[in-house]
Amino acid sequence: MARREWVDLFGLRTIAMTTSSSPAFVVVYVACWVTFCLLAATILMIDRHRLQPEWRSYLRFLSAPWKIALFVPALLFVTFAGRYTDDETWNVVTGSGMSILTFLTAPWSLGLIFQVLVGRRPWRYLLVAAALILFSSSWFYDGYLLWRDGIYTPRWLGNLMLSPIIYVAAGLLWNLEARGRFGFRLSFVRPDWPSPPEDRRFLPLMVVSIPLILIAAFVLVAFVGWRFDFIRR
């Protein structure tokens, strides 16, 4: 049964949902998402020889200095900020794990979806992309907390609704590339993606990156309560 807690946020009414799940639902849900992830892993294993050169290019693609410079402070914040919130599930493991998974997989997942839609990859890669998105933004979190606590977290539904927004914003951000003096585009539209772009500058991307950063930051901080006990000491 879902319990709705209404929060007045900047004059808007938003719903934070916590859901108490029956044991039967938990068993079925976990079995479904584990099976889904295994199917995606099987596809990757079958195609691994073709994908290995692509993954090497992708790691070079991710190693652009500006991407690392944005990722490191975000990683540190998400890893350690949970102790200052009322969210008992936000800790070093969930924060760092989801951050690292997002950085490593979000740009590739969104690129896979685009390439499937334009006919550059088989449709089975939509399953791979969906599994990466949902595991990185939700099921890793669910699985770790189930292992730690022995029960399925009642925050699973709220996290499932919100975390993919951060994931998509991050995937778009790290797919930005400069084009010309002030232009930009998404890297995955290139036929040779995920090879690194020729122009690795960040300056032309500053303005367009701000909305994506703000969206991710808003979803991250706006739906939990914050406490700063150390200030009052």
Protein backbone atom coordinates (compact mmCIF):
# COMPACT_ATOMS: atom_id res chain seq x y z
CA MET A 1 0.00 0.00 0.00
CA ALA A 2 1.39 3.39 -0.96
CA ARG A 3 1.61 6.16 1.61
CA ARG A 4 1.60 9.67 0.16
CA GLU A 5 3.41 12.50 1.89
CA TRP A 6 2.61 15.93 0.47
CA VAL A 7 5.46 18.40 0.44
CA ASP A 8 5.13 22.12 -0.37
CA LEU A 9 8.10 22.83 -2.61
CA PHE A 10 8.56 26.36 -3.96
CA GLY A 11 4.78 26.77 -4.00
CA LEU A 12 4.22 23.54 -5.91
CA ARG A 13 2.52 20.45 -4.52
CA THR A 14 4.63 17.37 -5.07
CA ILE A 15 4.16 13.81 -3.97
CA ALA A 16 6.80 11.75 -2.24
CA MET A 17 5.72 8.12 -2.19
CA THR A 18 6.85 5.30 0.03
CA THR A 19 5.50 1.87 -0.71
CA SER A 20 5.19 -1.09 1.59
CA SER A 21 5.55 -4.17 -0.62
CA SER A 22 4.17 -7.61 0.11
CA PRO A 23 6.65 -10.52 0.21
CA ALA A 24 5.03 -12.05 -2.87
CA PHE A 25 5.42 -8.82 -4.82
CA VAL A 26 9.07 -8.53 -3.80
CA VAL A 27 9.85 -12.06 -4.96
CA VAL A 28 8.16 -11.54 -8.33
CA TYR A 29 9.62 -8.07 -8.87
CA VAL A 30 13.17 -9.10 -7.99
CA ALA A 31 12.90 -12.21 -10.17
CA CYS A 32 11.72 -10.05 -13.08
CA TRP A 33 14.47 -7.48 -12.87
CA VAL A 34 17.21 -10.04 -12.26
CA THR A 35 16.01 -11.98 -15.32
CA PHE A 36 15.90 -8.78 -17.36
CA CYS A 37 19.46 -7.91 -16.39
CA LEU A 38 20.67 -11.44 -17.17
CA LEU A 39 19.12 -11.22 -20.63
CA ALA A 40 20.95 -7.94 -21.25
CA ALA A 41 24.20 -9.45 -19.97
CA THR A 42 23.72 -12.43 -22.29
CA ILE A 43 23.36 -10.12 -25.29
CA LEU A 44 26.56 -8.33 -24.33
CA MET A 45 28.40 -11.62 -23.85
CA ILE A 46 27.30 -12.89 -27.27
CA ASP A 47 28.39 -9.63 -28.93
CA ARG A 48 31.48 -9.08 -26.78
CA HIS A 49 34.05 -9.57 -29.56
CA ARG A 50 32.44 -6.84 -31.65
CA LEU A 51 31.87 -4.59 -28.64
CA GLN A 52 35.34 -4.76 -27.08
CA PRO A 53 36.97 -2.26 -29.52
CA GLU A 54 33.94 0.00 -29.06
CA TRP A 55 34.28 -0.10 -25.27
CA ARG A 56 37.95 0.88 -25.53
CA SER A 57 36.95 3.89 -27.64
CA TYR A 58 34.17 4.65 -25.18
CA LEU A 59 36.60 4.80 -22.26
CA ARG A 60 38.68 7.33 -24.19
CA PHE A 61 35.45 9.20 -24.93
CA LEU A 62 34.68 9.39 -21.19
CA SER A 63 38.19 10.50 -20.26
CA ALA A 64 37.81 14.05 -21.60
CA PRO A 65 39.18 16.37 -18.89
CA TRP A 66 35.96 18.38 -18.60
CA LYS A 67 33.90 15.23 -18.05
CA ILE A 68 36.19 14.08 -15.27
CA ALA A 69 36.18 17.58 -13.78
CA LEU A 70 32.37 17.57 -13.59
CA PHE A 71 32.11 13.98 -12.41
CA VAL A 72 34.54 14.08 -9.46
CA PRO A 73 32.77 16.79 -7.40
CA ALA A 74 29.40 15.23 -8.23
CA LEU A 75 30.70 11.85 -7.05
CA LEU A 76 31.98 13.32 -3.79
CA PHE A 77 28.72 15.13 -3.10
CA VAL A 78 26.46 12.18 -3.83
CA THR A 79 28.72 9.83 -1.87
CA PHE A 80 28.82 11.83 1.35
CA ALA A 81 25.78 14.14 1.35
CA GLY A 82 23.32 11.47 2.41
CA ARG A 83 24.33 11.73 6.06
CA TYR A 84 22.83 15.22 6.12
CA THR A 85 19.40 14.09 4.90
CA ASP A 86 16.44 12.21 6.33
CA ASP A 87 16.89 9.47 3.72
CA GLU A 88 18.21 6.42 5.57
CA THR A 89 18.91 4.67 2.26
CA TRP A 90 21.30 7.34 0.97
CA ASN A 91 24.73 6.27 2.17
CA VAL A 92 28.27 5.90 0.86
CA VAL A 93 27.53 2.66 -0.98
CA THR A 94 24.31 3.70 -2.71
CA GLY A 95 25.61 7.21 -3.44
CA SER A 96 28.98 6.23 -4.85
CA GLY A 97 27.69 3.12 -6.60
CA MET A 98 24.89 4.89 -8.45
CA SER A 99 27.21 7.80 -9.32
CA ILE A 100 29.89 5.57 -10.81
CA LEU A 101 27.37 3.43 -12.68
CA THR A 102 25.73 6.55 -14.10
CA PHE A 103 29.02 8.01 -15.29
CA LEU A 104 30.12 4.74 -16.87
CA THR A 105 26.85 3.74 -18.53
CA ALA A 106 24.54 6.73 -19.07
CA PRO A 107 26.26 8.19 -22.16
CA TRP A 108 26.46 4.74 -23.76
CA SER A 109 22.86 3.82 -22.90
CA LEU A 110 21.42 6.96 -24.49
CA GLY A 111 23.64 6.46 -27.51
CA LEU A 112 22.40 2.90 -27.89
CA ILE A 113 18.78 4.07 -27.87
CA PHE A 114 19.47 6.67 -30.56
CA GLN A 115 21.38 4.24 -32.74
CA VAL A 116 18.64 1.62 -32.51
CA LEU A 117 16.00 4.19 -33.45
CA VAL A 118 17.95 5.32 -36.54
CA GLY A 119 18.72 1.77 -37.63
CA ARG A 120 22.40 1.55 -36.75
CA ARG A 121 21.98 -1.25 -34.19
CA PRO A 122 19.67 -4.25 -33.76
CA TRP A 123 16.53 -3.78 -31.69
CA ARG A 124 17.87 -6.09 -28.96
CA TYR A 125 20.09 -3.22 -27.83
CA LEU A 126 17.02 -1.42 -26.53
CA LEU A 127 16.83 -4.17 -23.92
CA VAL A 128 20.50 -3.60 -23.09
CA ALA A 129 19.99 0.15 -22.76
CA ALA A 130 16.88 -0.28 -20.60
CA ALA A 131 18.68 -2.73 -18.31
CA LEU A 132 21.64 -0.36 -17.90
CA ILE A 133 19.35 2.57 -17.14
CA LEU A 134 17.19 0.73 -14.63
CA PHE A 135 20.01 -1.17 -12.92
CA SER A 136 22.21 1.91 -12.55
CA SER A 137 19.46 4.24 -11.36
CA SER A 138 17.24 1.84 -9.42
CA TRP A 139 17.94 -1.88 -9.17
CA PHE A 140 21.51 -1.57 -7.84
CA TYR A 141 20.06 0.59 -5.04
CA ASP A 142 17.20 -1.84 -4.42
CA GLY A 143 19.44 -4.90 -4.45
CA TYR A 144 22.05 -3.48 -2.09
CA LEU A 145 19.42 -2.35 0.43
CA LEU A 146 17.65 -5.71 0.22
CA TRP A 147 20.97 -7.43 0.98
CA ARG A 148 21.77 -4.98 3.80
CA ASP A 149 18.39 -4.80 5.50
CA GLY A 150 16.73 -8.06 4.57
CA ILE A 151 13.61 -6.22 3.38
CA TYR A 152 12.76 -4.36 0.20
CA THR A 153 13.19 -0.65 0.76
CA PRO A 154 9.88 1.27 0.94
CA ARG A 155 11.60 4.05 -1.00
CA TRP A 156 11.99 1.94 -4.13
CA LEU A 157 9.11 3.50 -6.05
CA GLY A 158 10.11 7.10 -5.36
CA ASN A 159 13.67 6.30 -6.39
CA LEU A 160 12.44 4.53 -9.54
CA MET A 161 10.47 7.64 -10.54
CA LEU A 162 13.21 10.19 -9.81
CA SER A 163 16.65 8.68 -10.34
CA PRO A 164 16.24 7.96 -14.09
CA ILE A 165 15.73 11.71 -14.59
CA ILE A 166 19.19 12.32 -13.14
CA TYR A 167 20.55 9.47 -15.24
CA VAL A 168 19.21 10.85 -18.51
CA ALA A 169 20.38 14.40 -17.70
CA ALA A 170 23.87 13.05 -16.97
CA GLY A 171 23.89 10.93 -20.12
CA LEU A 172 23.00 13.93 -22.26
CA LEU A 173 25.54 16.13 -20.48
CA TRP A 174 28.43 13.74 -21.07
CA ASN A 175 27.40 13.29 -24.70
CA LEU A 176 27.77 16.97 -25.46
CA GLU A 177 30.58 17.97 -27.78
CA ALA A 178 31.73 21.26 -29.25
CA ARG A 179 31.17 21.89 -32.93
CA GLY A 180 32.66 24.97 -34.50
CA ARG A 181 33.38 28.13 -32.56
CA PHE A 182 30.21 28.27 -30.47
CA GLY A 183 28.15 25.30 -31.65
CA PHE A 184 27.50 21.95 -30.07
CA ARG A 185 25.86 18.62 -30.76
CA LEU A 186 25.24 15.28 -29.08
CA SER A 187 28.10 12.92 -29.73
CA PHE A 188 25.95 9.88 -30.40
CA VAL A 189 24.62 11.37 -33.65
CA ARG A 190 28.06 10.82 -35.19
CA PRO A 191 28.42 7.62 -37.23
CA ASP A 192 31.77 6.91 -35.52
CA TRP A 193 30.47 7.34 -31.96
CA PRO A 194 31.66 6.47 -29.31
CA SER A 195 35.09 7.45 -30.58
CA PRO A 196 36.30 10.67 -28.92
CA PRO A 197 35.36 13.88 -30.73
CA GLU A 198 38.01 15.87 -32.51
CA ASP A 199 37.06 19.01 -30.57
CA ARG A 200 37.25 18.32 -26.83
CA ARG A 201 36.72 21.88 -25.61
CA PHE A 202 34.19 22.59 -22.85
CA LEU A 203 33.85 26.37 -23.24
CA PRO A 204 31.28 26.19 -26.09
CA LEU A 205 29.28 23.74 -23.95
CA MET A 206 29.04 25.77 -20.77
CA VAL A 207 25.69 27.43 -21.45
CA VAL A 208 23.91 24.32 -22.73
CA SER A 209 25.28 22.19 -19.90
CA ILE A 210 23.82 24.40 -17.15
CA PRO A 211 20.16 23.29 -17.58
CA LEU A 212 21.18 19.63 -17.51
CA ILE A 213 23.24 20.14 -14.36
CA LEU A 214 20.41 22.07 -12.70
CA ILE A 215 17.85 19.39 -13.54
CA ALA A 216 20.02 16.67 -12.02
CA ALA A 217 20.83 18.79 -8.97
CA PHE A 218 17.19 19.72 -8.38
CA VAL A 219 15.97 16.13 -8.48
CA LEU A 220 18.84 15.09 -6.24
CA VAL A 221 18.29 17.62 -3.45
CA ALA A 222 14.64 18.68 -3.62
CA PHE A 223 12.89 15.47 -2.61
CA VAL A 224 14.65 14.76 0.69
CA GLY A 225 14.74 16.63 3.97
CA TRP A 226 18.06 18.20 4.91
CA ARG A 227 19.52 18.55 8.39
CA PHE A 228 22.68 20.39 9.37
CA ASP A 229 23.13 19.53 13.03
CA PHE A 230 26.82 20.43 12.95
CA ILE A 231 25.91 24.10 12.32
CA ARG A 232 23.97 24.33 15.60
CA ARG A 233 26.76 22.85 17.73
